[in-house]
Amino acid sequence: MTTILKSTTKGQITLPSSWRKQFNTDRFIATCDNNTIKIQPLEIEDFIKKDVQKERVVFNSARDNKGKGVDAKVLIKILKKLDAKD
């Protein structure tokens, strides 16, 4: 199904409820490639490694960035470095 979505003044869009109800999650991941935006349901369990016993704090804004957030591109670089070490 295709529909036209209008963004708010803050750039937010709402996915139709009929689309959201098809998935067993309230989390979605969006990727942008050239002129295409792709939105997919995010199953958190898919991203948890079964063999990992403990959690790691990758970024703590209070500790790592004086209470400020971090640009998504910077966070992706951090995650890629951690993934390469595993």
N, C-alpha and C. Protein backbone atom coordinates (compact mmCIF):
# COMPACT_ATOMS: atom_id res chain seq x y z
N MET A 1 0.84 -1.17 0.00
CA MET A 1 0.00 0.00 0.00
C MET A 1 0.89 1.24 0.00
N THR A 2 0.50 2.25 -0.70
CA THR A 2 1.22 3.51 -0.75
C THR A 2 0.31 4.60 -0.22
N THR A 3 0.86 5.52 0.55
CA THR A 3 0.09 6.64 1.07
C THR A 3 0.98 7.87 1.13
N ILE A 4 0.38 9.01 1.11
CA ILE A 4 1.12 10.27 1.24
C ILE A 4 1.14 10.65 2.71
N LEU A 5 2.34 10.91 3.23
CA LEU A 5 2.49 11.30 4.62
C LEU A 5 2.95 12.75 4.66
N LYS A 6 2.36 13.54 5.53
CA LYS A 6 2.74 14.94 5.67
C LYS A 6 3.54 15.09 6.96
N SER A 7 4.65 15.78 6.89
CA SER A 7 5.46 15.97 8.09
C SER A 7 4.95 17.18 8.88
N THR A 8 5.21 17.13 10.18
CA THR A 8 4.87 18.26 11.05
C THR A 8 5.93 19.34 10.86
N THR A 9 5.74 20.46 11.55
CA THR A 9 6.73 21.54 11.47
C THR A 9 8.08 21.10 12.02
N LYS A 10 8.10 20.05 12.85
CA LYS A 10 9.35 19.51 13.39
C LYS A 10 9.92 18.40 12.51
N GLY A 11 9.27 18.11 11.38
CA GLY A 11 9.77 17.08 10.47
C GLY A 11 9.32 15.68 10.81
N GLN A 12 8.40 15.53 11.75
CA GLN A 12 7.93 14.20 12.15
C GLN A 12 6.81 13.72 11.23
N ILE A 13 6.78 12.41 11.02
CA ILE A 13 5.67 11.80 10.27
C ILE A 13 5.07 10.70 11.14
N THR A 14 3.83 10.37 10.87
CA THR A 14 3.15 9.30 11.59
C THR A 14 2.88 8.16 10.62
N LEU A 15 3.30 6.96 11.01
CA LEU A 15 3.00 5.78 10.20
C LEU A 15 1.55 5.41 10.47
N PRO A 16 0.79 5.08 9.45
CA PRO A 16 -0.60 4.68 9.67
C PRO A 16 -0.69 3.51 10.65
N SER A 17 -1.71 3.55 11.50
CA SER A 17 -1.85 2.52 12.53
C SER A 17 -1.99 1.13 11.92
N SER A 18 -2.62 1.03 10.76
CA SER A 18 -2.77 -0.28 10.12
C SER A 18 -1.40 -0.86 9.76
N TRP A 19 -0.44 -0.03 9.43
CA TRP A 19 0.92 -0.49 9.14
C TRP A 19 1.60 -0.92 10.43
N ARG A 20 1.49 -0.08 11.47
CA ARG A 20 2.18 -0.38 12.74
C ARG A 20 1.65 -1.66 13.37
N LYS A 21 0.37 -1.92 13.25
CA LYS A 21 -0.24 -3.10 13.87
C LYS A 21 0.20 -4.41 13.23
N GLN A 22 0.79 -4.34 12.04
CA GLN A 22 1.25 -5.55 11.36
C GLN A 22 2.49 -6.15 12.02
N PHE A 23 3.16 -5.38 12.86
CA PHE A 23 4.43 -5.81 13.42
C PHE A 23 4.34 -5.93 14.94
N ASN A 24 5.13 -6.83 15.49
CA ASN A 24 5.13 -7.08 16.92
C ASN A 24 6.17 -6.20 17.61
N THR A 25 6.18 -4.91 17.27
CA THR A 25 7.14 -3.99 17.86
C THR A 25 6.62 -2.57 17.75
N ASP A 26 7.12 -1.72 18.62
CA ASP A 26 6.81 -0.29 18.51
C ASP A 26 8.07 0.49 18.13
N ARG A 27 9.09 -0.22 17.68
CA ARG A 27 10.36 0.39 17.27
C ARG A 27 10.59 0.13 15.78
N PHE A 28 11.06 1.15 15.11
CA PHE A 28 11.33 1.05 13.69
C PHE A 28 12.70 1.67 13.42
N ILE A 29 13.36 1.19 12.40
CA ILE A 29 14.65 1.72 12.02
C ILE A 29 14.49 2.35 10.63
N ALA A 30 15.03 3.56 10.49
CA ALA A 30 14.92 4.27 9.22
C ALA A 30 16.31 4.47 8.63
N THR A 31 16.42 4.22 7.34
CA THR A 31 17.68 4.46 6.64
C THR A 31 17.39 5.32 5.42
N CYS A 32 18.37 6.14 5.09
CA CYS A 32 18.24 7.03 3.95
C CYS A 32 19.37 6.73 2.99
N ASP A 33 19.01 6.46 1.75
CA ASP A 33 20.00 6.17 0.71
C ASP A 33 19.64 7.00 -0.51
N ASN A 34 20.45 8.01 -0.79
CA ASN A 34 20.17 8.95 -1.89
C ASN A 34 18.79 9.56 -1.70
N ASN A 35 17.85 9.28 -2.58
CA ASN A 35 16.52 9.88 -2.49
C ASN A 35 15.47 8.92 -1.94
N THR A 36 15.89 7.87 -1.23
CA THR A 36 14.96 6.88 -0.72
C THR A 36 15.07 6.77 0.80
N ILE A 37 13.94 6.79 1.47
CA ILE A 37 13.88 6.55 2.91
C ILE A 37 13.23 5.19 3.10
N LYS A 38 13.89 4.32 3.85
CA LYS A 38 13.38 2.97 4.11
C LYS A 38 13.11 2.84 5.60
N ILE A 39 11.91 2.42 5.97
CA ILE A 39 11.52 2.24 7.37
C ILE A 39 11.17 0.77 7.57
N GLN A 40 11.85 0.13 8.53
CA GLN A 40 11.61 -1.29 8.80
C GLN A 40 11.34 -1.49 10.28
N PRO A 41 10.53 -2.51 10.61
CA PRO A 41 10.32 -2.82 12.03
C PRO A 41 11.63 -3.28 12.65
N LEU A 42 11.85 -2.90 13.89
CA LEU A 42 13.07 -3.27 14.59
C LEU A 42 12.73 -4.26 15.70
N GLU A 43 13.21 -5.46 15.55
CA GLU A 43 13.05 -6.48 16.58
C GLU A 43 14.31 -6.46 17.43
N ILE A 44 14.20 -5.96 18.63
CA ILE A 44 15.36 -5.80 19.51
C ILE A 44 16.10 -7.12 19.69
N GLU A 45 15.36 -8.22 19.78
CA GLU A 45 15.98 -9.53 19.99
C GLU A 45 16.95 -9.88 18.87
N ASP A 46 16.69 -9.38 17.66
CA ASP A 46 17.57 -9.67 16.53
C ASP A 46 18.97 -9.08 16.74
N PHE A 47 19.05 -8.05 17.56
CA PHE A 47 20.32 -7.36 17.75
C PHE A 47 21.06 -7.78 19.01
N ILE A 48 20.45 -8.66 19.79
CA ILE A 48 21.10 -9.14 21.00
C ILE A 48 21.81 -10.45 20.68
N LYS A 49 23.11 -10.48 20.91
CA LYS A 49 23.86 -11.70 20.66
C LYS A 49 23.56 -12.70 21.77
N LYS A 50 23.24 -13.91 21.39
CA LYS A 50 22.87 -14.94 22.36
C LYS A 50 24.03 -15.30 23.28
N ASP A 51 25.27 -15.19 22.77
CA ASP A 51 26.42 -15.61 23.56
C ASP A 51 26.99 -14.51 24.45
N VAL A 52 26.42 -13.31 24.41
CA VAL A 52 26.93 -12.22 25.24
C VAL A 52 26.22 -12.28 26.59
N GLN A 53 27.01 -12.36 27.65
CA GLN A 53 26.45 -12.50 28.99
C GLN A 53 26.16 -11.15 29.65
N LYS A 54 26.93 -10.11 29.30
CA LYS A 54 26.76 -8.83 29.97
C LYS A 54 26.57 -7.71 28.95
N GLU A 55 26.00 -6.63 29.42
CA GLU A 55 25.79 -5.47 28.57
C GLU A 55 27.01 -4.56 28.63
N ARG A 56 27.22 -3.81 27.56
CA ARG A 56 28.29 -2.82 27.54
C ARG A 56 27.67 -1.45 27.34
N VAL A 57 28.17 -0.48 28.05
CA VAL A 57 27.77 0.89 27.82
C VAL A 57 28.70 1.44 26.76
N VAL A 58 28.15 1.74 25.60
CA VAL A 58 28.95 2.22 24.48
C VAL A 58 29.15 3.72 24.59
N PHE A 59 28.09 4.42 24.94
CA PHE A 59 28.16 5.87 25.03
C PHE A 59 27.31 6.34 26.19
N ASN A 60 27.89 7.10 27.08
CA ASN A 60 27.19 7.71 28.20
C ASN A 60 27.39 9.21 28.05
N SER A 61 26.34 9.94 27.74
CA SER A 61 26.51 11.36 27.42
C SER A 61 27.10 12.15 28.59
N ALA A 62 26.72 11.82 29.81
CA ALA A 62 27.28 12.53 30.97
C ALA A 62 28.77 12.25 31.12
N ARG A 63 29.16 11.01 30.88
CA ARG A 63 30.57 10.62 31.02
C ARG A 63 31.40 11.02 29.81
N ASP A 64 30.85 10.80 28.62
CA ASP A 64 31.64 10.91 27.40
C ASP A 64 31.53 12.24 26.67
N ASN A 65 30.50 13.03 26.95
CA ASN A 65 30.30 14.21 26.12
C ASN A 65 29.71 15.38 26.91
N LYS A 66 30.09 15.51 28.17
CA LYS A 66 29.65 16.64 29.02
C LYS A 66 28.14 16.82 29.03
N GLY A 67 27.42 15.71 29.02
CA GLY A 67 25.96 15.76 29.10
C GLY A 67 25.25 16.01 27.80
N LYS A 68 25.99 16.16 26.72
CA LYS A 68 25.37 16.41 25.42
C LYS A 68 25.21 15.10 24.66
N GLY A 69 24.34 15.08 23.70
CA GLY A 69 24.16 13.91 22.86
C GLY A 69 25.33 13.76 21.90
N VAL A 70 25.20 12.82 21.01
CA VAL A 70 26.26 12.58 20.02
C VAL A 70 25.61 12.43 18.65
N ASP A 71 26.29 12.91 17.64
CA ASP A 71 25.83 12.78 16.27
C ASP A 71 25.73 11.30 15.91
N ALA A 72 24.70 10.92 15.18
CA ALA A 72 24.49 9.52 14.82
C ALA A 72 25.68 8.94 14.06
N LYS A 73 26.30 9.74 13.20
CA LYS A 73 27.45 9.25 12.43
C LYS A 73 28.62 8.90 13.35
N VAL A 74 28.81 9.69 14.40
CA VAL A 74 29.88 9.41 15.36
C VAL A 74 29.57 8.11 16.11
N LEU A 75 28.33 7.94 16.52
CA LEU A 75 27.93 6.72 17.23
C LEU A 75 28.11 5.49 16.34
N ILE A 76 27.78 5.60 15.08
CA ILE A 76 27.95 4.47 14.16
C ILE A 76 29.42 4.09 14.05
N LYS A 77 30.31 5.09 14.00
CA LYS A 77 31.75 4.80 13.95
C LYS A 77 32.19 4.05 15.20
N ILE A 78 31.70 4.47 16.36
CA ILE A 78 32.03 3.80 17.63
C ILE A 78 31.57 2.35 17.59
N LEU A 79 30.33 2.13 17.14
CA LEU A 79 29.78 0.77 17.09
C LEU A 79 30.54 -0.11 16.11
N LYS A 80 30.95 0.44 14.97
CA LYS A 80 31.72 -0.33 14.00
C LYS A 80 33.07 -0.74 14.58
N LYS A 81 33.70 0.14 15.34
CA LYS A 81 34.98 -0.21 15.96
C LYS A 81 34.80 -1.34 16.97
N LEU A 82 33.73 -1.26 17.76
CA LEU A 82 33.46 -2.32 18.74
C LEU A 82 33.15 -3.64 18.05
N ASP A 83 32.41 -3.60 16.96
CA ASP A 83 32.06 -4.80 16.22
C ASP A 83 33.31 -5.44 15.62
N ALA A 84 34.25 -4.62 15.15
CA ALA A 84 35.49 -5.14 14.56
C ALA A 84 36.35 -5.83 15.62
N LYS A 85 36.25 -5.39 16.88
CA LYS A 85 37.03 -6.00 17.96
C LYS A 85 36.48 -7.36 18.36
N ASP A 86 35.18 -7.57 18.15
CA ASP A 86 34.54 -8.84 18.58
C ASP A 86 34.87 -9.96 17.69
